[in-house]
Amino acid sequence: MRSSLFLRNRPSCRQLSSVVSRCFCTGEKWGSVWSFGDNTNGALGLPAPLSDAYEPTKVPELPSNITQVAAGHYHSLAVTSEGEVWAWGRNDEGQLGRCTDSPRNSWCKPERVRGLEGVEVRSVSASGVTSSVIGKDGSVWVWGRSKRGQLGLGWDVIEAKSPSKVKSLMGHDIDKVSFGWGHALALTTEGKLFGWGYADGGRLGEMAAIFHTTPSIYENIGELSDFERKTPMLEEVNKLVEERIRREDNMPIIWEPCLVKEVSDVTVSDMSCGLDHSLVLCGDGMLLSGGDNTYGQLARKTGEPSLLPVSGISSFSPISLESGLGHSLALCHQFPTGNHTSCKTAILSWGWNIGSQLGRNGNSEIPDIVEGLEGEHIVSVSAGRVHSVALTREGEVFVWGSGRNGRLGLGHTMDQGEPALIESLEGSRVLQAVAGFDHNLLLVAG
């Protein structure tokens, strides 16, 4: 039976963030932004000509008082201590909050997002096509363009050229927002969970039951040979994602935030949206998953379109969740066993492992411990397309998975099967580490 030690008074997302902040004994509250990885869309914020960065590189045209960063699939956001929001990277859908006609070679330059005057910004978040901020009053503001209803602004509203308030969430103190490719989740400080956007496959729970759903974009994967399934197929995945963009008709869309039915009578402590799946952590320690399960990212066999429990984690108490394109991560307390009486943290991983992003061997569809982090005090994790990132209490960064385009920041393009320390950051204290699809952002103290 699961010990009650970790189930009683489980902290909220905001409390967890506070705990993480207090882990840094030097008292830094803000810092500078560093980036590395794929720079095709200018998401690194480095001056043109655009080229990938194989090691962490300081973003030059940002204020020095950044308090938080967010990595969308192909763009980046940062918020200052004064509550200003800066954006750079892909802008095809207006996710930078600037004119979509702006030259592509200007995307890499960080610019302040206009239209948030009067909003005291607490945090920022991003998807592939939209951006969002949470105000200190718990309000949610969004901008960008999504035909899948990811803006949450009402029936058939697919574009917001400037930050627009999500009115359906007014009256709720929103603590965290997470975006997938076409769906979104919002968590209140009281533990209530709202969802909206593309609802197929149970990624928003049972909301899509009233719709005639469309097939998964991954239906073609079932026709691949065993060899093709095991071959690095990032190009194939890119084609499938592009196919999703083209297939806009007859989709089950929830245009405004609604309570997620399956957890409406329990307290939710954390959640995360992957590309096409969702993870939800309940206050009693139960971990739920829903959505696409092509790569085993739900850690369950059933294909029911609903949020259902993840099995095989009874020896762990999840603290926080992260989802990539096709893999899932959970930062957990590991219960004492045998002669070991002290609690320790561990990262569980499961799902797609084509680039070694799980950081371990073994059955990829069953949650298991990321290897090579014994003795490290991990405070946060982040998941990209085919790589993963972890931040320690001491402000060090570990990476593993695909090294393509320098997305591991290790100075080369080789894959990393187990976590590796980014040694070029020696002497720096990293306050936050987040992964986009193929790029990464670090908030470095000082």
Protein backbone atom coordinates (compact mmCIF):
# COMPACT_ATOMS: atom_id res chain seq x y z
CA MET A 1 0.00 0.00 0.00
CA ARG A 2 1.30 3.46 -0.86
CA SER A 3 2.64 5.34 2.13
CA SER A 4 0.65 8.39 3.23
CA LEU A 5 3.88 10.30 3.76
CA PHE A 6 3.77 11.82 0.29
CA LEU A 7 0.02 11.91 -0.22
CA ARG A 8 -0.92 14.25 2.59
CA ASN A 9 -1.06 17.92 1.65
CA ARG A 10 0.47 17.40 -1.78
CA PRO A 11 1.75 20.82 -2.94
CA SER A 12 0.23 22.78 -5.78
CA CYS A 13 2.20 23.73 -8.91
CA ARG A 14 2.84 27.19 -7.47
CA GLN A 15 4.07 25.72 -4.19
CA LEU A 16 6.35 23.35 -6.11
CA SER A 17 7.79 26.29 -8.02
CA SER A 18 8.42 28.05 -4.73
CA VAL A 19 10.17 24.99 -3.36
CA VAL A 20 12.37 24.81 -6.46
CA SER A 21 13.23 28.49 -6.12
CA ARG A 22 14.25 28.04 -2.48
CA CYS A 23 16.61 25.25 -3.51
CA PHE A 24 19.03 27.89 -4.75
CA CYS A 25 20.71 29.17 -1.62
CA THR A 26 22.43 32.11 -3.32
CA GLY A 27 19.16 34.03 -3.54
CA GLU A 28 19.13 34.78 -7.27
CA LYS A 29 15.69 35.75 -8.55
CA TRP A 30 16.49 36.43 -12.18
CA GLY A 31 19.20 36.09 -14.76
CA SER A 32 20.11 35.92 -18.43
CA VAL A 33 18.81 33.55 -21.11
CA TRP A 34 21.04 31.02 -22.84
CA SER A 35 20.01 28.71 -25.68
CA PHE A 36 21.24 25.77 -27.73
CA GLY A 37 20.04 23.30 -30.35
CA ASP A 38 18.17 23.72 -33.64
CA ASN A 39 17.94 27.31 -34.84
CA THR A 40 16.04 26.76 -38.09
CA ASN A 41 13.19 29.03 -36.97
CA GLY A 42 15.29 31.47 -34.97
CA ALA A 43 14.13 29.98 -31.66
CA LEU A 44 17.60 30.40 -30.15
CA GLY A 45 17.40 34.18 -30.35
CA LEU A 46 20.90 34.39 -31.78
CA PRO A 47 21.79 36.94 -34.49
CA ALA A 48 21.49 35.99 -38.17
CA PRO A 49 22.71 34.14 -40.12
CA LEU A 50 20.77 31.35 -38.46
CA SER A 51 22.91 28.43 -37.38
CA ASP A 52 22.53 25.72 -34.77
CA ALA A 53 24.26 26.10 -31.40
CA TYR A 54 26.05 23.03 -30.08
CA GLU A 55 26.72 24.51 -26.65
CA PRO A 56 24.73 26.95 -24.47
CA THR A 57 25.08 30.46 -25.89
CA LYS A 58 23.84 33.69 -24.33
CA VAL A 59 20.88 35.35 -26.06
CA PRO A 60 22.28 38.86 -26.63
CA GLU A 61 19.28 41.15 -27.11
CA LEU A 62 17.31 40.50 -23.93
CA PRO A 63 17.07 42.35 -20.62
CA SER A 64 19.23 40.92 -17.83
CA ASN A 65 16.35 40.60 -15.36
CA ILE A 66 14.53 37.60 -16.84
CA THR A 67 12.58 35.61 -14.25
CA GLN A 68 11.12 32.81 -16.38
CA VAL A 69 11.39 31.30 -19.85
CA ALA A 70 9.17 29.04 -21.95
CA ALA A 71 10.05 27.02 -25.03
CA GLY A 72 7.32 26.41 -27.59
CA HIS A 73 7.78 23.86 -30.33
CA TYR A 74 9.61 26.36 -32.53
CA HIS A 75 9.60 29.66 -30.64
CA SER A 76 10.61 31.07 -27.27
CA LEU A 77 9.23 33.38 -24.58
CA ALA A 78 10.74 35.18 -21.61
CA VAL A 79 9.26 37.35 -18.85
CA THR A 80 11.12 40.05 -16.92
CA SER A 81 10.88 41.03 -13.27
CA GLU A 82 8.70 43.96 -14.40
CA GLY A 83 6.29 41.58 -16.11
CA GLU A 84 7.34 42.36 -19.68
CA VAL A 85 7.13 39.47 -22.14
CA TRP A 86 9.66 38.97 -24.92
CA ALA A 87 9.29 36.58 -27.86
CA TRP A 88 11.37 35.20 -30.73
CA GLY A 89 11.40 32.26 -33.15
CA ARG A 90 8.76 30.99 -35.56
CA ASN A 91 5.99 33.50 -36.32
CA ASP A 92 3.95 31.90 -39.12
CA GLU A 93 0.91 31.82 -36.83
CA GLY A 94 1.58 35.12 -35.06
CA GLN A 95 2.76 33.39 -31.90
CA LEU A 96 5.33 36.14 -31.35
CA GLY A 97 2.59 38.74 -31.06
CA ARG A 98 3.95 40.65 -34.04
CA CYS A 99 2.88 40.95 -37.67
CA THR A 100 3.07 37.64 -39.55
CA ASP A 101 4.34 39.55 -42.58
CA SER A 102 7.56 40.37 -40.76
CA PRO A 103 10.61 39.00 -42.63
CA ARG A 104 11.65 35.51 -41.61
CA ASN A 105 15.18 36.71 -40.92
CA SER A 106 13.75 39.00 -38.21
CA TRP A 107 12.18 36.16 -36.20
CA CYS A 108 15.41 35.47 -34.35
CA LYS A 109 15.46 38.92 -32.77
CA PRO A 110 13.72 39.05 -29.37
CA GLU A 111 11.04 41.73 -29.25
CA ARG A 112 8.66 42.81 -26.54
CA VAL A 113 5.10 41.52 -26.92
CA ARG A 114 2.68 44.44 -27.15
CA GLY A 115 -0.84 44.39 -25.75
CA LEU A 116 -0.06 43.23 -22.22
CA GLU A 117 0.13 46.68 -20.69
CA GLY A 118 -1.71 46.57 -17.38
CA VAL A 119 -1.27 42.81 -17.03
CA GLU A 120 1.06 41.80 -14.20
CA VAL A 121 2.50 38.70 -15.81
CA ARG A 122 3.32 35.79 -13.51
CA SER A 123 4.38 33.16 -16.05
CA VAL A 124 4.54 32.31 -19.76
CA SER A 125 3.87 29.15 -21.76
CA ALA A 126 3.80 28.18 -25.43
CA SER A 127 2.78 25.54 -27.95
CA GLY A 128 3.66 25.14 -31.60
CA VAL A 129 1.25 27.84 -32.78
CA THR A 130 0.15 29.84 -29.74
CA SER A 131 1.59 31.69 -26.75
CA SER A 132 0.10 32.39 -23.35
CA VAL A 133 0.67 34.26 -20.11
CA ILE A 134 -0.87 33.94 -16.68
CA GLY A 135 -1.43 37.18 -14.80
CA LYS A 136 -0.81 37.57 -11.09
CA ASP A 137 -4.60 37.70 -10.73
CA GLY A 138 -4.86 34.21 -12.23
CA SER A 139 -6.12 35.41 -15.61
CA VAL A 140 -5.02 33.73 -18.86
CA TRP A 141 -4.12 35.64 -22.03
CA VAL A 142 -3.40 34.00 -25.40
CA TRP A 143 -2.31 34.91 -28.93
CA GLY A 144 -1.43 33.14 -32.17
CA ARG A 145 -3.50 31.06 -34.59
CA SER A 146 -4.95 27.58 -34.14
CA LYS A 147 -7.69 25.92 -36.17
CA ARG A 148 -7.94 23.34 -33.40
CA GLY A 149 -9.43 25.74 -30.86
CA GLN A 150 -6.29 25.97 -28.78
CA LEU A 151 -6.86 29.64 -28.07
CA GLY A 152 -9.97 28.87 -26.04
CA LEU A 153 -11.58 32.17 -27.03
CA GLY A 154 -14.94 30.82 -28.18
CA TRP A 155 -16.70 29.15 -31.07
CA ASP A 156 -14.70 29.20 -34.31
CA VAL A 157 -12.18 31.76 -33.04
CA ILE A 158 -8.94 30.62 -34.61
CA GLU A 159 -6.75 33.72 -34.41
CA ALA A 160 -5.70 36.35 -31.91
CA LYS A 161 -3.24 38.87 -33.35
CA SER A 162 -2.63 40.37 -29.93
CA PRO A 163 -2.96 39.01 -26.38
CA SER A 164 -6.62 38.23 -25.65
CA LYS A 165 -8.14 37.26 -22.33
CA VAL A 166 -9.67 33.78 -22.03
CA LYS A 167 -13.01 34.89 -20.62
CA SER A 168 -14.27 31.38 -19.88
CA LEU A 169 -11.60 31.10 -17.19
CA MET A 170 -12.48 34.38 -15.48
CA GLY A 171 -13.18 33.88 -11.80
CA HIS A 172 -10.66 31.05 -11.58
CA ASP A 173 -7.14 31.55 -10.25
CA ILE A 174 -5.13 29.70 -12.90
CA ASP A 175 -1.80 28.35 -11.69
CA LYS A 176 -0.48 26.54 -14.77
CA VAL A 177 -1.28 26.19 -18.48
CA SER A 178 0.12 23.45 -20.72
CA PHE A 179 -0.22 23.13 -24.50
CA GLY A 180 0.02 20.19 -26.88
CA TRP A 181 -0.16 20.49 -30.65
CA GLY A 182 -3.87 21.22 -30.65
CA HIS A 183 -5.12 20.84 -27.08
CA ALA A 184 -4.59 22.67 -23.81
CA LEU A 185 -5.03 22.16 -20.08
CA ALA A 186 -5.29 24.75 -17.30
CA LEU A 187 -4.94 24.03 -13.58
CA THR A 188 -6.33 26.27 -10.85
CA THR A 189 -4.75 26.93 -7.47
CA GLU A 190 -7.62 24.92 -5.97
CA GLY A 191 -6.77 21.87 -8.07
CA LYS A 192 -9.52 22.11 -10.69
CA LEU A 193 -8.59 21.09 -14.24
CA PHE A 194 -9.94 22.68 -17.42
CA GLY A 195 -9.35 21.51 -20.98
CA TRP A 196 -10.04 22.78 -24.49
CA GLY A 197 -8.98 22.43 -28.11
CA TYR A 198 -8.61 19.23 -30.13
CA ALA A 199 -10.23 16.53 -28.00
CA ASP A 200 -9.66 13.29 -29.93
CA GLY A 201 -8.46 10.12 -28.22
CA GLY A 202 -9.11 11.13 -24.63
CA ARG A 203 -6.41 13.79 -24.35
CA LEU A 204 -9.10 15.97 -22.75
CA GLY A 205 -10.82 13.05 -21.11
CA GLU A 206 -14.26 12.11 -22.37
CA MET A 207 -15.05 15.52 -23.88
CA ALA A 208 -14.82 14.20 -27.44
CA ALA A 209 -17.55 11.59 -26.92
CA ILE A 210 -20.15 13.82 -28.59
CA PHE A 211 -18.10 14.15 -31.76
CA HIS A 212 -17.51 11.95 -34.76
CA THR A 213 -13.76 11.72 -34.39
CA THR A 214 -11.15 11.60 -37.12
CA PRO A 215 -8.38 9.00 -37.34
CA SER A 216 -5.03 9.64 -35.70
CA ILE A 217 -2.36 11.22 -37.85
CA TYR A 218 -0.23 8.25 -36.92
CA GLU A 219 -2.47 5.73 -38.68
CA ASN A 220 0.17 5.28 -41.38
CA ILE A 221 2.74 4.14 -38.84
CA GLY A 222 0.86 0.88 -38.48
CA GLU A 223 1.77 0.10 -42.10
CA LEU A 224 5.51 0.49 -41.53
CA SER A 225 7.91 -2.46 -41.45
CA ASP A 226 9.71 -3.43 -38.23
CA PHE A 227 12.90 -1.99 -39.69
CA GLU A 228 11.23 1.34 -40.41
CA ARG A 229 9.77 1.46 -36.91
CA LYS A 230 13.25 1.11 -35.42
CA THR A 231 14.97 3.56 -37.76
CA PRO A 232 15.33 7.23 -36.73
CA MET A 233 12.39 8.69 -38.65
CA LEU A 234 12.27 12.34 -37.72
CA GLU A 235 11.54 13.20 -41.34
CA GLU A 236 8.55 10.84 -41.30
CA VAL A 237 7.28 12.37 -38.08
CA ASN A 238 7.62 15.83 -39.59
CA LYS A 239 5.50 14.70 -42.54
CA LEU A 240 2.84 13.36 -40.21
CA VAL A 241 2.77 16.58 -38.21
CA GLU A 242 2.38 18.53 -41.45
CA GLU A 243 -0.45 16.17 -42.39
CA ARG A 244 -2.19 17.14 -39.15
CA ILE A 245 -2.01 20.77 -40.18
CA ARG A 246 -3.70 20.00 -43.50
CA ARG A 247 -6.48 17.87 -42.01
CA GLU A 248 -8.67 20.48 -40.41
CA ASP A 249 -12.17 19.25 -41.19
CA ASN A 250 -14.49 17.29 -38.90
CA MET A 251 -12.20 17.51 -35.90
CA PRO A 252 -13.64 17.16 -32.38
CA ILE A 253 -12.95 20.63 -30.99
CA ILE A 254 -13.80 22.10 -27.60
CA TRP A 255 -13.75 25.82 -28.33
CA GLU A 256 -13.83 27.07 -24.73
CA PRO A 257 -12.34 25.72 -21.49
CA CYS A 258 -14.48 23.08 -19.77
CA LEU A 259 -13.92 21.11 -16.59
CA VAL A 260 -12.29 17.74 -17.25
CA LYS A 261 -14.99 15.28 -16.23
CA GLU A 262 -12.83 12.44 -14.94
CA VAL A 263 -11.16 14.61 -12.30
CA SER A 264 -13.97 17.06 -11.55
CA ASP A 265 -14.45 15.68 -8.03
CA VAL A 266 -10.77 15.33 -7.05
CA THR A 267 -7.87 17.70 -6.53
CA VAL A 268 -5.33 17.81 -9.35
CA SER A 269 -1.75 18.71 -8.40
CA ASP A 270 -0.05 18.76 -11.81
CA MET A 271 -0.57 18.05 -15.51
CA SER A 272 1.31 18.16 -18.80
CA CYS A 273 0.38 18.10 -22.49
CA GLY A 274 2.50 16.19 -24.97
CA LEU A 275 2.03 16.60 -28.71
CA ASP A 276 -1.11 14.43 -28.74
CA HIS A 277 -1.37 13.05 -25.21
CA SER A 278 -1.92 14.29 -21.68
CA LEU A 279 -0.73 13.36 -18.20
CA VAL A 280 -2.68 14.32 -15.08
CA LEU A 281 -1.49 13.90 -11.47
CA CYS A 282 -4.19 13.74 -8.81
CA GLY A 283 -3.69 14.87 -5.24
CA ASP A 284 -3.96 11.30 -3.96
CA GLY A 285 -0.95 10.29 -6.05
CA MET A 286 -2.85 8.67 -8.91
CA LEU A 287 -1.34 9.36 -12.34
CA LEU A 288 -3.70 9.41 -15.33
CA SER A 289 -2.95 9.44 -19.05
CA GLY A 290 -5.03 9.94 -22.19
CA GLY A 291 -4.74 10.63 -25.90
CA ASP A 292 -2.56 9.09 -28.58
CA ASN A 293 -0.66 5.97 -27.54
CA THR A 294 1.26 5.19 -30.73
CA TYR A 295 4.59 5.09 -28.90
CA GLY A 296 3.38 3.73 -25.56
CA GLN A 297 3.44 7.22 -24.02
CA LEU A 298 0.27 6.45 -22.03
CA ALA A 299 1.88 3.45 -20.29
CA ARG A 300 -1.28 1.40 -20.72
CA LYS A 301 -2.63 -1.07 -23.23
CA THR A 302 -6.24 0.04 -23.42
CA GLY A 303 -7.20 2.36 -26.23
CA GLU A 304 -10.25 3.82 -24.51
CA PRO A 305 -10.63 7.55 -25.26
CA SER A 306 -10.46 8.65 -21.65
CA LEU A 307 -8.05 9.58 -18.87
CA LEU A 308 -7.14 6.31 -17.16
CA PRO A 309 -4.62 5.30 -14.46
CA VAL A 310 -0.99 4.56 -15.29
CA SER A 311 0.07 1.29 -13.70
CA GLY A 312 3.44 0.08 -12.44
CA ILE A 313 4.43 3.11 -10.35
CA SER A 314 3.37 1.93 -6.88
CA SER A 315 6.92 2.32 -5.54
CA PHE A 316 6.96 6.00 -6.49
CA SER A 317 5.12 9.17 -5.59
CA PRO A 318 5.03 11.53 -8.60
CA ILE A 319 5.80 15.18 -7.93
CA SER A 320 5.67 16.77 -11.38
CA LEU A 321 5.08 15.71 -14.99
CA GLU A 322 6.52 16.46 -18.43
CA SER A 323 5.49 15.26 -21.90
CA GLY A 324 7.38 15.33 -25.19
CA LEU A 325 6.26 14.44 -28.69
CA GLY A 326 5.90 10.76 -27.87
CA HIS A 327 7.51 10.20 -24.48
CA SER A 328 6.59 10.98 -20.90
CA LEU A 329 8.59 11.91 -17.80
CA ALA A 330 7.62 11.98 -14.13
CA LEU A 331 9.78 13.41 -11.36
CA CYS A 332 9.06 11.24 -8.33
CA HIS A 333 9.86 10.50 -4.73
CA GLN A 334 11.06 6.92 -4.53
CA PHE A 335 9.84 5.07 -1.47
CA PRO A 336 12.44 3.54 0.88
CA THR A 337 13.15 -0.14 0.27
CA GLY A 338 15.21 -2.79 2.05
CA ASN A 339 18.00 -1.27 4.14
CA HIS A 340 17.46 2.16 2.58
CA THR A 341 15.39 4.30 4.94
CA SER A 342 15.74 7.70 3.30
CA CYS A 343 13.62 9.02 0.46
CA LYS A 344 15.22 10.04 -2.81
CA THR A 345 14.08 11.52 -6.10
CA ALA A 346 14.03 9.67 -9.39
CA ILE A 347 12.82 10.31 -12.93
CA LEU A 348 10.48 7.78 -14.51
CA SER A 349 10.35 7.64 -18.31
CA TRP A 350 8.25 5.76 -20.84
CA GLY A 351 7.08 5.97 -24.45
CA TRP A 352 8.99 6.74 -27.65
CA ASN A 353 12.70 5.95 -27.35
CA ILE A 354 13.92 6.28 -30.93
CA GLY A 355 16.62 8.79 -29.93
CA SER A 356 17.33 7.35 -26.46
CA GLN A 357 15.23 10.13 -24.91
CA LEU A 358 14.08 7.75 -22.16
CA GLY A 359 17.62 7.63 -20.79
CA ARG A 360 17.46 3.90 -20.13
CA ASN A 361 17.09 0.45 -21.64
CA GLY A 362 14.23 -2.00 -21.16
CA ASN A 363 10.54 -2.01 -22.05
CA SER A 364 9.73 1.49 -23.25
CA GLU A 365 5.99 1.14 -22.61
CA ILE A 366 6.46 0.56 -18.87
CA PRO A 367 7.57 3.41 -16.57
CA ASP A 368 11.11 2.86 -15.31
CA ILE A 369 13.92 4.88 -13.77
CA VAL A 370 16.20 7.05 -15.91
CA GLU A 371 19.68 5.63 -15.34
CA GLY A 372 22.80 7.50 -14.30
CA LEU A 373 21.33 10.13 -11.96
CA GLU A 374 21.93 8.34 -8.67
CA GLY A 375 22.85 10.83 -5.97
CA GLU A 376 21.63 13.84 -7.94
CA HIS A 377 18.91 16.04 -6.45
CA ILE A 378 16.68 16.67 -9.46
CA VAL A 379 14.23 19.57 -9.13
CA SER A 380 12.73 19.72 -12.63
CA VAL A 381 12.56 17.86 -15.93
CA SER A 382 11.62 18.87 -19.47
CA ALA A 383 10.90 16.86 -22.61
CA GLY A 384 11.58 17.77 -26.24
CA ARG A 385 10.80 15.93 -29.45
CA VAL A 386 13.50 13.27 -28.99
CA HIS A 387 15.55 14.52 -26.05
CA SER A 388 15.15 15.22 -22.35
CA VAL A 389 16.58 17.72 -19.85
CA ALA A 390 16.91 17.67 -16.06
CA LEU A 391 17.91 20.42 -13.62
CA THR A 392 19.53 19.70 -10.25
CA ARG A 393 19.22 21.52 -6.95
CA GLU A 394 22.79 22.72 -7.42
CA GLY A 395 21.90 24.39 -10.72
CA GLU A 396 23.51 21.81 -13.00
CA VAL A 397 21.90 20.54 -16.21
CA PHE A 398 21.82 16.94 -17.44
CA VAL A 399 20.69 15.98 -20.96
CA TRP A 400 20.04 12.77 -22.87
CA GLY A 401 18.52 11.58 -26.13
CA SER A 402 19.15 12.67 -29.71
CA GLY A 403 22.10 14.99 -30.24
CA ARG A 404 20.99 16.10 -33.69
CA ASN A 405 21.45 19.84 -34.35
CA GLY A 406 23.28 20.17 -31.05
CA ARG A 407 20.09 19.92 -29.03
CA LEU A 408 21.97 18.31 -26.10
CA GLY A 409 24.39 21.22 -25.79
CA LEU A 410 27.37 18.88 -25.44
CA GLY A 411 29.35 20.29 -28.36
CA HIS A 412 28.56 17.44 -30.75
CA THR A 413 25.64 15.69 -32.49
CA MET A 414 25.96 12.22 -30.98
CA ASP A 415 23.02 10.62 -29.20
CA GLN A 416 23.30 10.16 -25.45
CA GLY A 417 21.75 6.99 -23.99
CA GLU A 418 22.18 8.13 -20.38
CA PRO A 419 22.13 11.57 -18.75
CA ALA A 420 25.25 13.63 -19.40
CA LEU A 421 26.28 16.79 -17.57
CA ILE A 422 26.66 19.95 -19.69
CA GLU A 423 30.20 20.69 -18.56
CA SER A 424 30.47 23.98 -20.43
CA LEU A 425 28.13 25.45 -17.79
CA GLU A 426 30.63 24.82 -14.99
CA GLY A 427 30.74 27.84 -12.71
CA SER A 428 27.21 28.91 -13.67
CA ARG A 429 24.05 28.37 -11.67
CA VAL A 430 21.08 27.47 -13.85
CA LEU A 431 17.72 28.50 -12.40
CA GLN A 432 15.48 27.00 -15.09
CA ALA A 433 15.96 24.57 -17.99
CA VAL A 434 13.24 23.95 -20.60
CA ALA A 435 13.08 22.08 -23.88
CA GLY A 436 11.22 23.00 -27.05
CA PHE A 437 10.87 20.45 -29.81
CA ASP A 438 14.50 20.74 -30.93
CA HIS A 439 15.89 23.67 -28.96
CA ASN A 440 16.46 24.51 -25.31
CA LEU A 441 16.44 27.56 -23.07
CA LEU A 442 18.33 28.09 -19.82
CA LEU A 443 17.83 30.84 -17.26
CA VAL A 444 21.29 31.44 -15.81
CA ALA A 445 21.77 33.42 -12.59
CA GLY A 446 23.78 36.60 -12.70
